[in-house]
Amino acid sequence: MKNLFLLLTLCLGLTQCVSTRVTSAASSAPIRKVYVVNNPDTHMAGFQPELVNQIQQMGYATEVVDTPPAGNPHYVRYTAIWRWDMAMYLHRFDITLFEGTRAIGTGNYFATGLDLRKFGPTREKIRPVLKQLFGK
């Protein structure tokens, strides 16, 4: 019985998991420009430029701001958390797309366990989330 418990515990610890989840609602106005609200708590220097680049590649003008502009603009707020497992990897990425004060979409990337897909360039991790979020 003790060996079975150890085996089950080991199996749970080795569970592989990389997942994305995106929900979006229709915008009341066409999205032409997306403001990216700066998150100083994201500690990887290249993350924000990659996020901006990905949004631009989908055809949107972008501007990085410290606070959302007044009015009814489209903007995103994001968080990104890295972990160490023999190398740094993007553990979690959350993004919310707003139209004015109304959230019109959310996206999430989450990686853990021994799934080797968690390693690799950040752009490959966030691209599917952004494409679904913006309907591209």
C-alpha atoms as a PDB file:
ATOM      1  CA  MET A   1       0.000   0.000   0.000  1.00  0.00           C
ATOM      2  CA  LYS A   2       2.863   2.357   0.832  1.00  0.00           C
ATOM      3  CA  ASN A   3       4.461   1.670  -2.565  1.00  0.00           C
ATOM      4  CA  LEU A   4       1.170   2.391  -4.333  1.00  0.00           C
ATOM      5  CA  PHE A   5       0.895   5.729  -2.519  1.00  0.00           C
ATOM      6  CA  LEU A   6       4.453   6.628  -3.530  1.00  0.00           C
ATOM      7  CA  LEU A   7       3.774   5.647  -7.138  1.00  0.00           C
ATOM      8  CA  LEU A   8       0.601   7.761  -7.294  1.00  0.00           C
ATOM      9  CA  THR A   9       2.409  10.720  -5.721  1.00  0.00           C
ATOM     10  CA  LEU A  10       5.230  10.409  -8.245  1.00  0.00           C
ATOM     11  CA  CYS A  11       2.743  10.236 -11.133  1.00  0.00           C
ATOM     12  CA  LEU A  12       0.978  13.378  -9.946  1.00  0.00           C
ATOM     13  CA  GLY A  13       4.306  15.176  -9.659  1.00  0.00           C
ATOM     14  CA  LEU A  14       5.215  14.260 -13.211  1.00  0.00           C
ATOM     15  CA  THR A  15       1.915  15.382 -14.682  1.00  0.00           C
ATOM     16  CA  GLN A  16       2.490  17.364 -17.822  1.00  0.00           C
ATOM     17  CA  CYS A  17       0.480  20.478 -18.418  1.00  0.00           C
ATOM     18  CA  VAL A  18       0.620  23.337 -20.883  1.00  0.00           C
ATOM     19  CA  SER A  19      -2.700  25.048 -21.417  1.00  0.00           C
ATOM     20  CA  THR A  20      -4.233  28.146 -22.928  1.00  0.00           C
ATOM     21  CA  ARG A  21      -7.646  29.606 -22.321  1.00  0.00           C
ATOM     22  CA  VAL A  22      -9.164  32.576 -24.138  1.00  0.00           C
ATOM     23  CA  THR A  23     -12.550  34.245 -23.892  1.00  0.00           C
ATOM     24  CA  SER A  24     -13.572  37.267 -25.881  1.00  0.00           C
ATOM     25  CA  ALA A  25     -16.632  39.350 -26.542  1.00  0.00           C
ATOM     26  CA  ALA A  26     -17.367  41.541 -29.513  1.00  0.00           C
ATOM     27  CA  SER A  27     -16.006  45.061 -29.462  1.00  0.00           C
ATOM     28  CA  SER A  28     -18.554  47.794 -30.101  1.00  0.00           C
ATOM     29  CA  ALA A  29     -16.038  49.633 -32.311  1.00  0.00           C
ATOM     30  CA  PRO A  30     -13.374  48.386 -34.731  1.00  0.00           C
ATOM     31  CA  ILE A  31      -9.977  47.961 -33.078  1.00  0.00           C
ATOM     32  CA  ARG A  32      -7.417  50.141 -34.814  1.00  0.00           C
ATOM     33  CA  LYS A  33      -4.990  50.973 -32.023  1.00  0.00           C
ATOM     34  CA  VAL A  34      -4.133  49.027 -28.890  1.00  0.00           C
ATOM     35  CA  TYR A  35      -2.550  50.729 -25.908  1.00  0.00           C
ATOM     36  CA  VAL A  36      -0.319  48.420 -23.884  1.00  0.00           C
ATOM     37  CA  VAL A  37      -0.360  49.395 -20.211  1.00  0.00           C
ATOM     38  CA  ASN A  38       3.170  49.038 -18.861  1.00  0.00           C
ATOM     39  CA  ASN A  39       3.609  46.444 -16.123  1.00  0.00           C
ATOM     40  CA  PRO A  40       6.842  47.195 -14.220  1.00  0.00           C
ATOM     41  CA  ASP A  41       6.451  43.949 -12.248  1.00  0.00           C
ATOM     42  CA  THR A  42       7.219  41.872 -15.345  1.00  0.00           C
ATOM     43  CA  HIS A  43      10.893  41.214 -14.774  1.00  0.00           C
ATOM     44  CA  MET A  44      11.951  39.889 -18.177  1.00  0.00           C
ATOM     45  CA  ALA A  45      13.205  42.850 -20.185  1.00  0.00           C
ATOM     46  CA  GLY A  46      12.261  41.409 -23.577  1.00  0.00           C
ATOM     47  CA  PHE A  47       8.683  40.466 -22.727  1.00  0.00           C
ATOM     48  CA  GLN A  48       6.907  43.778 -23.311  1.00  0.00           C
ATOM     49  CA  PRO A  49       8.663  44.462 -26.648  1.00  0.00           C
ATOM     50  CA  GLU A  50       7.674  40.964 -27.805  1.00  0.00           C
ATOM     51  CA  LEU A  51       4.064  41.523 -26.728  1.00  0.00           C
ATOM     52  CA  VAL A  52       3.953  44.845 -28.603  1.00  0.00           C
ATOM     53  CA  ASN A  53       5.568  43.259 -31.664  1.00  0.00           C
ATOM     54  CA  GLN A  54       3.015  40.420 -31.710  1.00  0.00           C
ATOM     55  CA  ILE A  55       0.108  42.885 -31.568  1.00  0.00           C
ATOM     56  CA  GLN A  56       1.651  44.984 -34.340  1.00  0.00           C
ATOM     57  CA  GLN A  57       2.100  41.893 -36.525  1.00  0.00           C
ATOM     58  CA  MET A  58      -1.672  41.400 -36.339  1.00  0.00           C
ATOM     59  CA  GLY A  59      -2.117  44.814 -37.966  1.00  0.00           C
ATOM     60  CA  TYR A  60      -2.809  47.063 -34.985  1.00  0.00           C
ATOM     61  CA  ALA A  61      -1.041  50.294 -34.128  1.00  0.00           C
ATOM     62  CA  THR A  62       0.317  50.175 -30.580  1.00  0.00           C
ATOM     63  CA  GLU A  63       1.499  52.553 -27.910  1.00  0.00           C
ATOM     64  CA  VAL A  64       2.943  51.717 -24.498  1.00  0.00           C
ATOM     65  CA  VAL A  65       1.428  53.831 -21.715  1.00  0.00           C
ATOM     66  CA  ASP A  66       1.636  53.919 -17.926  1.00  0.00           C
ATOM     67  CA  THR A  67      -2.134  54.347 -17.495  1.00  0.00           C
ATOM     68  CA  PRO A  68      -5.006  53.775 -19.917  1.00  0.00           C
ATOM     69  CA  PRO A  69      -5.941  56.910 -21.894  1.00  0.00           C
ATOM     70  CA  ALA A  70      -9.227  58.680 -21.217  1.00  0.00           C
ATOM     71  CA  GLY A  71     -12.197  57.945 -23.393  1.00  0.00           C
ATOM     72  CA  ASN A  72     -13.093  54.597 -24.890  1.00  0.00           C
ATOM     73  CA  PRO A  73      -9.805  53.248 -26.260  1.00  0.00           C
ATOM     74  CA  HIS A  74      -8.771  49.638 -26.632  1.00  0.00           C
ATOM     75  CA  TYR A  75      -5.977  48.660 -24.282  1.00  0.00           C
ATOM     76  CA  VAL A  76      -4.442  45.587 -22.679  1.00  0.00           C
ATOM     77  CA  ARG A  77      -3.202  44.853 -19.186  1.00  0.00           C
ATOM     78  CA  TYR A  78      -0.946  41.839 -18.725  1.00  0.00           C
ATOM     79  CA  THR A  79       1.091  39.836 -16.251  1.00  0.00           C
ATOM     80  CA  ALA A  80       3.859  37.342 -16.936  1.00  0.00           C
ATOM     81  CA  ILE A  81       5.501  35.038 -14.419  1.00  0.00           C
ATOM     82  CA  TRP A  82       8.630  32.997 -14.997  1.00  0.00           C
ATOM     83  CA  ARG A  83       9.880  29.937 -13.142  1.00  0.00           C
ATOM     84  CA  TRP A  84      13.081  27.953 -13.064  1.00  0.00           C
ATOM     85  CA  ASP A  85      13.263  24.262 -14.044  1.00  0.00           C
ATOM     86  CA  MET A  86      16.762  23.608 -15.353  1.00  0.00           C
ATOM     87  CA  ALA A  87      16.163  26.820 -17.362  1.00  0.00           C
ATOM     88  CA  MET A  88      13.854  29.811 -17.128  1.00  0.00           C
ATOM     89  CA  TYR A  89      10.444  29.346 -18.728  1.00  0.00           C
ATOM     90  CA  LEU A  90       7.218  31.309 -18.998  1.00  0.00           C
ATOM     91  CA  HIS A  91       5.050  29.770 -16.290  1.00  0.00           C
ATOM     92  CA  ARG A  92       1.993  31.989 -16.617  1.00  0.00           C
ATOM     93  CA  PHE A  93       0.794  34.774 -18.916  1.00  0.00           C
ATOM     94  CA  ASP A  94      -2.485  36.597 -18.356  1.00  0.00           C
ATOM     95  CA  ILE A  95      -3.848  39.356 -20.562  1.00  0.00           C
ATOM     96  CA  THR A  96      -7.100  41.327 -20.568  1.00  0.00           C
ATOM     97  CA  LEU A  97      -8.346  43.398 -23.503  1.00  0.00           C
ATOM     98  CA  PHE A  98     -10.446  46.427 -22.559  1.00  0.00           C
ATOM     99  CA  GLU A  99     -12.661  48.795 -24.458  1.00  0.00           C
ATOM    100  CA  GLY A 100     -12.825  51.809 -22.161  1.00  0.00           C
ATOM    101  CA  THR A 101     -13.594  50.400 -18.717  1.00  0.00           C
ATOM    102  CA  ARG A 102     -15.232  47.207 -20.054  1.00  0.00           C
ATOM    103  CA  ALA A 103     -13.190  44.009 -20.325  1.00  0.00           C
ATOM    104  CA  ILE A 104     -13.997  42.495 -23.727  1.00  0.00           C
ATOM    105  CA  GLY A 105     -11.603  39.559 -23.663  1.00  0.00           C
ATOM    106  CA  THR A 106      -9.126  37.606 -21.573  1.00  0.00           C
ATOM    107  CA  GLY A 107      -6.327  35.203 -22.384  1.00  0.00           C
ATOM    108  CA  ASN A 108      -4.209  32.875 -20.311  1.00  0.00           C
ATOM    109  CA  TYR A 109      -1.187  30.633 -20.879  1.00  0.00           C
ATOM    110  CA  PHE A 110      -0.078  28.251 -18.138  1.00  0.00           C
ATOM    111  CA  ALA A 111       2.796  25.740 -18.092  1.00  0.00           C
ATOM    112  CA  THR A 112       3.953  23.379 -15.371  1.00  0.00           C
ATOM    113  CA  GLY A 113       5.113  19.832 -14.756  1.00  0.00           C
ATOM    114  CA  LEU A 114       7.630  18.023 -16.922  1.00  0.00           C
ATOM    115  CA  ASP A 115       6.045  19.012 -20.215  1.00  0.00           C
ATOM    116  CA  LEU A 116       8.995  20.079 -22.363  1.00  0.00           C
ATOM    117  CA  ARG A 117       6.750  22.352 -24.446  1.00  0.00           C
ATOM    118  CA  LYS A 118       7.087  24.904 -21.636  1.00  0.00           C
ATOM    119  CA  PHE A 119      10.623  25.692 -22.843  1.00  0.00           C
ATOM    120  CA  GLY A 120      11.289  27.799 -25.890  1.00  0.00           C
ATOM    121  CA  PRO A 121      10.844  31.329 -27.153  1.00  0.00           C
ATOM    122  CA  THR A 122       8.277  33.543 -25.459  1.00  0.00           C
ATOM    123  CA  ARG A 123       6.783  34.529 -28.821  1.00  0.00           C
ATOM    124  CA  GLU A 124       5.704  30.928 -29.421  1.00  0.00           C
ATOM    125  CA  LYS A 125       3.913  30.834 -26.072  1.00  0.00           C
ATOM    126  CA  ILE A 126       1.984  34.098 -26.333  1.00  0.00           C
ATOM    127  CA  ARG A 127       1.178  34.100 -30.074  1.00  0.00           C
ATOM    128  CA  PRO A 128      -1.708  31.569 -29.910  1.00  0.00           C
ATOM    129  CA  VAL A 129      -3.280  33.421 -26.983  1.00  0.00           C
ATOM    130  CA  LEU A 130      -3.064  36.788 -28.732  1.00  0.00           C
ATOM    131  CA  LYS A 131      -4.410  35.412 -32.025  1.00  0.00           C
ATOM    132  CA  GLN A 132      -7.459  34.004 -30.289  1.00  0.00           C
ATOM    133  CA  LEU A 133      -7.946  37.114 -28.167  1.00  0.00           C
ATOM    134  CA  PHE A 134      -7.904  39.430 -31.186  1.00  0.00           C
ATOM    135  CA  GLY A 135      -9.737  36.980 -33.468  1.00  0.00           C
ATOM    136  CA  LYS A 136      -6.886  36.622 -35.973  1.00  0.00           C
END
